[in-house]
């Protein structure tokens, strides 16, 4: 396929997502700062009740990442981390510990692009990890389509 990458990404999103799913991607993306123009990797971490562990995971993906060529930390504009905080549909529990841990890490390390995305993931009344992972992957493609870049077009969704 010789079409530009943005055209292929646009076709993929349109082919594999219903209009409702595309609106969900737009809603989830709107909760985050725009993807940096230098960003080459979007790490998506679904999380629920990870308050005790999420800071360590964020350290592994940020502070501890060293450029093998220079021995220095990676340029923080080259990647982003999206924490997809699942808000359960039971109407009772809400994962404040994970949210607070992510917000504290962001405050301590503002150089990193860490986005906290809050959403109740419920497919047919229950969370299904495969659907959450697909939504996370499609969110990265959608966010890439949304960033201004002279080499690609913006996504054109309803």
N, C-alpha and C. Protein backbone atom coordinates (compact mmCIF):
# COMPACT_ATOMS: atom_id res chain seq x y z
N UNK A 1 0.85 -1.18 0.00
CA UNK A 1 0.00 0.00 0.00
C UNK A 1 0.89 1.24 0.00
N UNK A 2 0.74 2.11 -0.98
CA UNK A 2 1.62 3.28 -1.11
C UNK A 2 0.96 4.56 -0.61
N UNK A 3 -0.24 4.44 -0.04
CA UNK A 3 -0.89 5.64 0.50
C UNK A 3 -0.08 6.16 1.68
N UNK A 4 -0.14 7.47 1.95
CA UNK A 4 0.54 8.00 3.13
C UNK A 4 0.03 7.31 4.40
N UNK A 5 0.90 7.27 5.40
CA UNK A 5 0.56 6.61 6.66
C UNK A 5 -0.73 7.18 7.24
N UNK A 6 -0.91 8.49 7.17
CA UNK A 6 -2.10 9.10 7.76
C UNK A 6 -3.37 8.59 7.07
N UNK A 7 -3.31 8.37 5.76
CA UNK A 7 -4.48 7.85 5.05
C UNK A 7 -4.77 6.41 5.47
N UNK A 8 -3.73 5.62 5.64
CA UNK A 8 -3.92 4.23 6.06
C UNK A 8 -4.46 4.17 7.50
N UNK A 9 -3.95 5.03 8.36
CA UNK A 9 -4.44 5.07 9.75
C UNK A 9 -5.90 5.50 9.77
N UNK A 10 -6.23 6.48 8.98
CA UNK A 10 -7.61 6.95 8.88
C UNK A 10 -8.52 5.82 8.40
N UNK A 11 -8.07 5.10 7.39
CA UNK A 11 -8.87 4.00 6.86
C UNK A 11 -9.02 2.89 7.91
N UNK A 12 -7.96 2.58 8.63
CA UNK A 12 -8.02 1.56 9.68
C UNK A 12 -9.05 1.95 10.74
N UNK A 13 -8.96 3.18 11.24
CA UNK A 13 -9.88 3.61 12.29
C UNK A 13 -11.33 3.58 11.81
N UNK A 14 -11.56 4.03 10.59
CA UNK A 14 -12.92 4.03 10.05
C UNK A 14 -13.46 2.63 9.80
N UNK A 15 -12.58 1.71 9.44
CA UNK A 15 -13.01 0.35 9.12
C UNK A 15 -13.24 -0.50 10.37
N UNK A 16 -12.48 -0.28 11.41
CA UNK A 16 -12.54 -1.16 12.58
C UNK A 16 -13.33 -0.58 13.75
N UNK A 17 -13.89 0.61 13.59
CA UNK A 17 -14.63 1.24 14.68
C UNK A 17 -15.97 1.75 14.19
N UNK A 18 -16.99 1.58 15.01
CA UNK A 18 -18.30 2.14 14.72
C UNK A 18 -18.26 3.65 14.99
N UNK A 19 -19.24 4.40 14.51
CA UNK A 19 -19.29 5.84 14.83
C UNK A 19 -19.28 6.08 16.34
N UNK A 20 -19.94 5.21 17.10
CA UNK A 20 -19.95 5.35 18.56
C UNK A 20 -18.54 5.17 19.14
N UNK A 21 -17.80 4.20 18.62
CA UNK A 21 -16.44 3.97 19.09
C UNK A 21 -15.52 5.14 18.70
N UNK A 22 -15.73 5.71 17.52
CA UNK A 22 -14.94 6.87 17.11
C UNK A 22 -15.21 8.06 18.02
N UNK A 23 -16.47 8.23 18.43
CA UNK A 23 -16.80 9.31 19.38
C UNK A 23 -16.13 9.05 20.73
N UNK A 24 -16.07 7.79 21.14
CA UNK A 24 -15.39 7.45 22.38
C UNK A 24 -13.91 7.81 22.29
N UNK A 25 -13.26 7.48 21.17
CA UNK A 25 -11.85 7.83 21.00
C UNK A 25 -11.65 9.34 21.07
N UNK A 26 -12.56 10.08 20.45
CA UNK A 26 -12.48 11.54 20.50
C UNK A 26 -12.63 12.03 21.95
N UNK A 27 -13.59 11.45 22.68
CA UNK A 27 -13.81 11.84 24.08
C UNK A 27 -12.58 11.52 24.93
N UNK A 28 -12.02 10.32 24.77
CA UNK A 28 -10.85 9.94 25.55
C UNK A 28 -9.66 10.82 25.21
N UNK A 29 -9.46 11.10 23.96
CA UNK A 29 -8.35 11.94 23.53
C UNK A 29 -8.47 13.36 24.09
N UNK A 30 -9.69 13.85 24.20
CA UNK A 30 -9.89 15.22 24.68
C UNK A 30 -9.52 15.39 26.16
N UNK A 31 -9.34 14.29 26.88
CA UNK A 31 -8.95 14.37 28.28
C UNK A 31 -7.44 14.58 28.45
N UNK A 32 -6.70 14.55 27.37
CA UNK A 32 -5.24 14.61 27.43
C UNK A 32 -4.69 15.81 26.69
N UNK A 33 -3.49 16.19 27.07
CA UNK A 33 -2.79 17.21 26.30
C UNK A 33 -2.50 16.64 24.92
N UNK A 34 -2.40 17.48 23.92
CA UNK A 34 -2.12 16.96 22.57
C UNK A 34 -0.80 16.19 22.53
N UNK A 35 -0.74 15.22 21.65
CA UNK A 35 0.49 14.46 21.46
C UNK A 35 1.57 15.41 20.95
N UNK A 36 2.75 15.32 21.52
CA UNK A 36 3.87 16.18 21.10
C UNK A 36 4.28 15.83 19.68
N UNK A 37 4.69 16.82 18.93
CA UNK A 37 5.07 16.58 17.53
C UNK A 37 6.25 15.63 17.40
N UNK A 38 7.09 15.51 18.44
CA UNK A 38 8.24 14.60 18.39
C UNK A 38 7.89 13.18 18.85
N UNK A 39 6.70 12.98 19.36
CA UNK A 39 6.33 11.69 19.97
C UNK A 39 6.42 10.56 18.94
N UNK A 40 7.11 9.50 19.34
CA UNK A 40 7.27 8.33 18.47
C UNK A 40 6.65 7.08 19.08
N UNK A 41 6.24 7.16 20.37
CA UNK A 41 5.70 6.00 21.05
C UNK A 41 4.63 6.44 22.05
N UNK A 42 3.52 5.76 22.00
CA UNK A 42 2.44 6.01 22.95
C UNK A 42 2.24 4.73 23.75
N UNK A 43 2.56 4.79 25.04
CA UNK A 43 2.40 3.65 25.93
C UNK A 43 1.05 3.79 26.61
N UNK A 44 0.22 2.77 26.49
CA UNK A 44 -1.12 2.80 27.08
C UNK A 44 -1.22 1.74 28.17
N UNK A 45 -1.55 2.19 29.38
CA UNK A 45 -1.63 1.28 30.51
C UNK A 45 -3.03 1.31 31.11
N UNK A 46 -3.83 0.27 30.86
CA UNK A 46 -5.11 0.17 31.56
C UNK A 46 -4.82 -0.04 33.05
N UNK A 47 -5.58 0.61 33.91
CA UNK A 47 -5.32 0.51 35.34
C UNK A 47 -6.62 0.55 36.13
N UNK A 48 -6.66 -0.27 37.16
CA UNK A 48 -7.74 -0.25 38.14
C UNK A 48 -7.18 -0.83 39.43
N UNK A 49 -7.30 -0.08 40.47
CA UNK A 49 -6.77 -0.49 41.79
C UNK A 49 -5.28 -0.77 41.71
N UNK A 50 -4.54 0.14 41.11
CA UNK A 50 -3.09 0.02 40.97
C UNK A 50 -2.34 1.09 41.75
N UNK A 51 -3.02 1.70 42.73
CA UNK A 51 -2.42 2.79 43.49
C UNK A 51 -1.07 2.45 44.09
N UNK A 52 -0.91 1.23 44.56
CA UNK A 52 0.35 0.83 45.19
C UNK A 52 1.45 0.52 44.17
N UNK A 53 1.08 0.29 42.91
CA UNK A 53 2.06 -0.15 41.91
C UNK A 53 2.32 0.84 40.79
N UNK A 54 1.43 1.76 40.56
CA UNK A 54 1.50 2.58 39.35
C UNK A 54 2.73 3.49 39.33
N UNK A 55 3.15 4.00 40.48
CA UNK A 55 4.33 4.87 40.51
C UNK A 55 5.58 4.12 40.06
N UNK A 56 5.71 2.88 40.50
CA UNK A 56 6.86 2.08 40.08
C UNK A 56 6.82 1.84 38.57
N UNK A 57 5.65 1.53 38.04
CA UNK A 57 5.52 1.33 36.60
C UNK A 57 5.89 2.61 35.85
N UNK A 58 5.42 3.76 36.33
CA UNK A 58 5.74 5.03 35.68
C UNK A 58 7.25 5.31 35.73
N UNK A 59 7.90 4.99 36.84
CA UNK A 59 9.36 5.15 36.92
C UNK A 59 10.05 4.29 35.88
N UNK A 60 9.60 3.05 35.73
CA UNK A 60 10.21 2.14 34.75
C UNK A 60 10.09 2.68 33.33
N UNK A 61 8.96 3.31 33.02
CA UNK A 61 8.73 3.83 31.67
C UNK A 61 9.33 5.21 31.45
N UNK A 62 9.76 5.88 32.50
CA UNK A 62 10.25 7.26 32.35
C UNK A 62 11.68 7.40 32.86
N UNK A 63 11.83 7.57 34.13
CA UNK A 63 13.11 7.89 34.75
C UNK A 63 14.18 6.87 34.43
N UNK A 64 13.83 5.61 34.41
CA UNK A 64 14.82 4.54 34.23
C UNK A 64 15.13 4.24 32.77
N UNK A 65 14.53 4.94 31.84
CA UNK A 65 14.79 4.72 30.41
C UNK A 65 16.01 5.53 29.99
N UNK A 66 17.06 4.83 29.58
CA UNK A 66 18.32 5.46 29.23
C UNK A 66 18.60 5.22 27.74
N UNK A 67 19.02 6.27 27.07
CA UNK A 67 19.41 6.16 25.66
C UNK A 67 20.72 5.38 25.60
N UNK A 68 20.74 4.23 24.93
CA UNK A 68 21.97 3.42 24.90
C UNK A 68 23.13 4.10 24.18
N UNK A 69 22.84 5.03 23.30
CA UNK A 69 23.91 5.71 22.56
C UNK A 69 24.59 6.78 23.40
N UNK A 70 23.81 7.48 24.23
CA UNK A 70 24.36 8.59 24.99
C UNK A 70 24.54 8.30 26.48
N UNK A 71 23.82 7.29 26.98
CA UNK A 71 23.87 7.01 28.41
C UNK A 71 23.05 7.99 29.23
N UNK A 72 22.30 8.83 28.55
CA UNK A 72 21.45 9.82 29.23
C UNK A 72 19.99 9.38 29.19
N UNK A 73 19.17 10.01 30.05
CA UNK A 73 17.73 9.69 29.98
C UNK A 73 17.17 10.01 28.60
N UNK A 74 16.17 9.24 28.19
CA UNK A 74 15.51 9.48 26.91
C UNK A 74 14.85 10.86 26.89
N UNK A 75 14.80 11.44 25.73
CA UNK A 75 14.10 12.71 25.53
C UNK A 75 12.63 12.50 25.84
N UNK A 76 12.07 13.20 26.84
CA UNK A 76 10.67 12.98 27.23
C UNK A 76 9.66 13.36 26.15
N UNK A 77 10.07 14.09 25.13
CA UNK A 77 9.11 14.42 24.08
C UNK A 77 8.94 13.28 23.07
N UNK A 78 9.77 12.24 23.17
CA UNK A 78 9.70 11.13 22.22
C UNK A 78 8.62 10.11 22.54
N UNK A 79 8.03 10.21 23.74
CA UNK A 79 7.01 9.24 24.11
C UNK A 79 5.99 9.89 25.04
N UNK A 80 4.85 9.23 25.14
CA UNK A 80 3.82 9.64 26.08
C UNK A 80 3.30 8.38 26.76
N UNK A 81 2.74 8.57 27.94
CA UNK A 81 2.13 7.46 28.66
C UNK A 81 0.69 7.84 28.95
N UNK A 82 -0.22 6.99 28.52
CA UNK A 82 -1.64 7.19 28.77
C UNK A 82 -2.11 6.14 29.77
N UNK A 83 -2.52 6.59 30.94
CA UNK A 83 -3.07 5.70 31.95
C UNK A 83 -4.58 5.70 31.75
N UNK A 84 -5.12 4.57 31.36
CA UNK A 84 -6.57 4.44 31.16
C UNK A 84 -7.16 3.92 32.46
N UNK A 85 -7.65 4.84 33.27
CA UNK A 85 -8.21 4.50 34.57
C UNK A 85 -9.64 4.04 34.40
N UNK A 86 -9.84 2.75 34.61
CA UNK A 86 -11.17 2.18 34.45
C UNK A 86 -12.01 2.53 35.65
N UNK A 87 -13.12 3.19 35.37
CA UNK A 87 -14.09 3.52 36.41
C UNK A 87 -15.18 2.47 36.32
N UNK A 88 -15.25 1.57 37.28
CA UNK A 88 -16.20 0.46 37.17
C UNK A 88 -17.64 0.93 37.13
N UNK A 89 -18.46 0.10 36.52
CA UNK A 89 -19.87 0.46 36.35
C UNK A 89 -20.74 -0.06 37.48
N UNK A 90 -20.11 -0.41 38.62
CA UNK A 90 -20.92 -0.89 39.74
C UNK A 90 -21.52 0.24 40.55
N UNK A 91 -21.13 1.48 40.24
CA UNK A 91 -21.70 2.64 40.91
C UNK A 91 -21.22 2.83 42.33
N UNK A 92 -20.33 1.98 42.79
CA UNK A 92 -19.88 2.06 44.18
C UNK A 92 -18.41 2.44 44.26
N UNK A 93 -17.55 1.62 43.66
CA UNK A 93 -16.12 1.82 43.82
C UNK A 93 -15.55 2.80 42.80
N UNK A 94 -14.64 3.59 43.28
CA UNK A 94 -13.91 4.52 42.42
C UNK A 94 -12.46 4.48 42.86
N UNK A 95 -11.57 4.35 41.94
CA UNK A 95 -10.16 4.12 42.23
C UNK A 95 -9.40 5.42 42.46
N UNK A 96 -9.61 6.03 43.58
CA UNK A 96 -8.93 7.29 43.89
C UNK A 96 -7.43 7.10 44.16
N UNK A 97 -7.03 5.95 44.70
CA UNK A 97 -5.62 5.73 45.02
C UNK A 97 -4.76 5.75 43.75
N UNK A 98 -5.20 5.07 42.71
CA UNK A 98 -4.44 5.08 41.46
C UNK A 98 -4.40 6.49 40.88
N UNK A 99 -5.54 7.15 40.84
CA UNK A 99 -5.59 8.51 40.32
C UNK A 99 -4.63 9.43 41.08
N UNK A 100 -4.64 9.36 42.40
CA UNK A 100 -3.78 10.22 43.21
C UNK A 100 -2.30 9.90 42.99
N UNK A 101 -1.97 8.62 42.85
CA UNK A 101 -0.57 8.24 42.59
C UNK A 101 -0.09 8.78 41.25
N UNK A 102 -0.95 8.69 40.22
CA UNK A 102 -0.58 9.21 38.90
C UNK A 102 -0.41 10.72 38.96
N UNK A 103 -1.34 11.41 39.59
CA UNK A 103 -1.26 12.87 39.68
C UNK A 103 -0.02 13.31 40.46
N UNK A 104 0.33 12.59 41.53
CA UNK A 104 1.54 12.92 42.31
C UNK A 104 2.79 12.72 41.45
N UNK A 105 2.83 11.63 40.67
CA UNK A 105 3.99 11.38 39.80
C UNK A 105 4.10 12.49 38.75
N UNK A 106 2.97 12.86 38.16
CA UNK A 106 2.98 13.94 37.16
C UNK A 106 3.51 15.24 37.76
N UNK A 107 3.10 15.54 38.97
CA UNK A 107 3.53 16.78 39.63
C UNK A 107 5.03 16.75 39.91
N UNK A 108 5.54 15.60 40.34
CA UNK A 108 6.96 15.45 40.64
C UNK A 108 7.83 15.40 39.40
N UNK A 109 7.24 15.02 38.26
CA UNK A 109 8.01 14.84 37.01
C UNK A 109 7.27 15.49 35.83
N UNK A 110 7.15 16.81 35.84
CA UNK A 110 6.37 17.48 34.79
C UNK A 110 6.99 17.39 33.40
N UNK A 111 8.24 16.98 33.32
CA UNK A 111 8.89 16.88 32.01
C UNK A 111 8.32 15.73 31.17
N UNK A 112 7.68 14.77 31.83
CA UNK A 112 7.12 13.63 31.11
C UNK A 112 5.67 13.88 30.74
N UNK A 113 5.27 13.37 29.60
CA UNK A 113 3.91 13.52 29.11
C UNK A 113 3.09 12.31 29.54
N UNK A 114 2.47 12.47 30.70
CA UNK A 114 1.66 11.41 31.28
C UNK A 114 0.22 11.90 31.31
N UNK A 115 -0.65 11.15 30.67
CA UNK A 115 -2.06 11.52 30.58
C UNK A 115 -2.89 10.54 31.38
N UNK A 116 -3.81 11.07 32.17
CA UNK A 116 -4.73 10.26 32.93
C UNK A 116 -6.09 10.34 32.24
N UNK A 117 -6.54 9.20 31.72
CA UNK A 117 -7.79 9.13 30.99
C UNK A 117 -8.78 8.33 31.83
N UNK A 118 -9.89 8.97 32.19
CA UNK A 118 -10.89 8.32 33.03
C UNK A 118 -12.07 7.86 32.18
N UNK A 119 -12.43 6.58 32.33
CA UNK A 119 -13.52 6.05 31.53
C UNK A 119 -14.06 4.79 32.16
N UNK A 120 -15.36 4.62 32.13
CA UNK A 120 -15.95 3.34 32.50
C UNK A 120 -15.93 2.46 31.27
N UNK A 121 -15.12 1.44 31.31
CA UNK A 121 -15.05 0.50 30.20
C UNK A 121 -16.02 -0.62 30.50
N UNK A 122 -17.07 -0.68 29.75
CA UNK A 122 -18.09 -1.70 29.94
C UNK A 122 -18.60 -2.12 28.58
N UNK A 123 -18.36 -3.35 28.23
CA UNK A 123 -18.82 -3.88 26.97
C UNK A 123 -19.81 -5.00 27.30
N UNK A 124 -21.04 -4.78 26.93
CA UNK A 124 -22.11 -5.72 27.29
C UNK A 124 -22.21 -5.91 28.81
N UNK A 125 -22.03 -4.82 29.54
CA UNK A 125 -22.22 -4.85 30.98
C UNK A 125 -21.03 -5.25 31.82
N UNK A 126 -19.91 -5.61 31.19
CA UNK A 126 -18.73 -5.98 31.98
C UNK A 126 -17.47 -5.56 31.22
N UNK A 127 -16.40 -5.26 31.98
CA UNK A 127 -15.16 -4.91 31.29
C UNK A 127 -14.55 -6.14 30.62
N UNK A 128 -14.14 -5.99 29.41
CA UNK A 128 -13.50 -7.06 28.65
C UNK A 128 -12.12 -6.55 28.25
N UNK A 129 -11.08 -7.21 28.77
CA UNK A 129 -9.72 -6.69 28.57
C UNK A 129 -9.35 -6.57 27.10
N UNK A 130 -9.77 -7.49 26.26
CA UNK A 130 -9.46 -7.37 24.83
C UNK A 130 -10.00 -6.09 24.23
N UNK A 131 -11.21 -5.73 24.60
CA UNK A 131 -11.80 -4.49 24.10
C UNK A 131 -11.09 -3.26 24.66
N UNK A 132 -10.67 -3.35 25.92
CA UNK A 132 -9.93 -2.23 26.52
C UNK A 132 -8.59 -2.07 25.81
N UNK A 133 -7.89 -3.16 25.54
CA UNK A 133 -6.60 -3.08 24.83
C UNK A 133 -6.78 -2.53 23.41
N UNK A 134 -7.84 -2.96 22.72
CA UNK A 134 -8.08 -2.44 21.38
C UNK A 134 -8.37 -0.95 21.44
N UNK A 135 -9.18 -0.53 22.41
CA UNK A 135 -9.48 0.89 22.56
C UNK A 135 -8.20 1.67 22.84
N UNK A 136 -7.33 1.13 23.68
CA UNK A 136 -6.06 1.81 24.00
C UNK A 136 -5.19 1.94 22.76
N UNK A 137 -5.07 0.87 21.98
CA UNK A 137 -4.26 0.92 20.76
C UNK A 137 -4.85 1.90 19.76
N UNK A 138 -6.18 1.86 19.58
CA UNK A 138 -6.83 2.78 18.65
C UNK A 138 -6.71 4.23 19.13
N UNK A 139 -6.68 4.42 20.45
CA UNK A 139 -6.50 5.77 21.00
C UNK A 139 -5.14 6.34 20.58
N UNK A 140 -4.11 5.51 20.59
CA UNK A 140 -2.79 5.98 20.16
C UNK A 140 -2.81 6.37 18.68
N UNK A 141 -3.45 5.56 17.85
CA UNK A 141 -3.56 5.88 16.42
C UNK A 141 -4.36 7.17 16.23
N UNK A 142 -5.47 7.28 16.94
CA UNK A 142 -6.33 8.47 16.83
C UNK A 142 -5.56 9.71 17.27
N UNK A 143 -4.87 9.63 18.41
CA UNK A 143 -4.13 10.80 18.91
C UNK A 143 -3.04 11.21 17.91
N UNK A 144 -2.39 10.23 17.30
CA UNK A 144 -1.38 10.53 16.29
C UNK A 144 -2.01 11.28 15.12
N UNK A 145 -3.21 10.86 14.73
CA UNK A 145 -3.91 11.52 13.62
C UNK A 145 -4.32 12.96 13.99
N UNK A 146 -4.51 13.23 15.26
CA UNK A 146 -4.99 14.53 15.69
C UNK A 146 -3.89 15.58 15.81
N UNK A 147 -2.67 15.17 15.94
CA UNK A 147 -1.63 16.17 16.18
C UNK A 147 -1.30 16.91 14.89
N UNK A 148 -1.05 18.19 15.04
CA UNK A 148 -0.69 18.96 13.84
C UNK A 148 0.71 18.56 13.37
N UNK A 149 0.79 18.26 12.12
CA UNK A 149 2.06 17.86 11.54
C UNK A 149 1.97 18.14 10.06
N UNK A 150 2.96 18.80 9.54
CA UNK A 150 2.90 19.17 8.12
C UNK A 150 2.93 17.97 7.19
N UNK A 151 3.34 16.80 7.70
CA UNK A 151 3.43 15.61 6.86
C UNK A 151 2.21 14.71 6.92
N UNK A 152 1.20 15.07 7.71
CA UNK A 152 0.02 14.24 7.78
C UNK A 152 -1.21 15.11 7.98
N UNK A 153 -2.34 14.59 7.58
CA UNK A 153 -3.61 15.30 7.73
C UNK A 153 -4.22 15.00 9.07
N UNK A 154 -5.03 15.93 9.56
CA UNK A 154 -5.79 15.67 10.77
C UNK A 154 -6.90 14.68 10.46
N UNK A 155 -7.28 13.93 11.47
CA UNK A 155 -8.39 12.99 11.28
C UNK A 155 -9.67 13.75 10.99
N UNK A 156 -10.52 13.13 10.22
CA UNK A 156 -11.79 13.78 9.84
C UNK A 156 -12.94 12.91 10.29
N UNK A 157 -13.23 12.94 11.57
CA UNK A 157 -14.32 12.14 12.11
C UNK A 157 -15.48 13.04 12.48
N UNK A 158 -16.69 12.46 12.53
CA UNK A 158 -17.87 13.26 12.91
C UNK A 158 -17.77 13.70 14.36
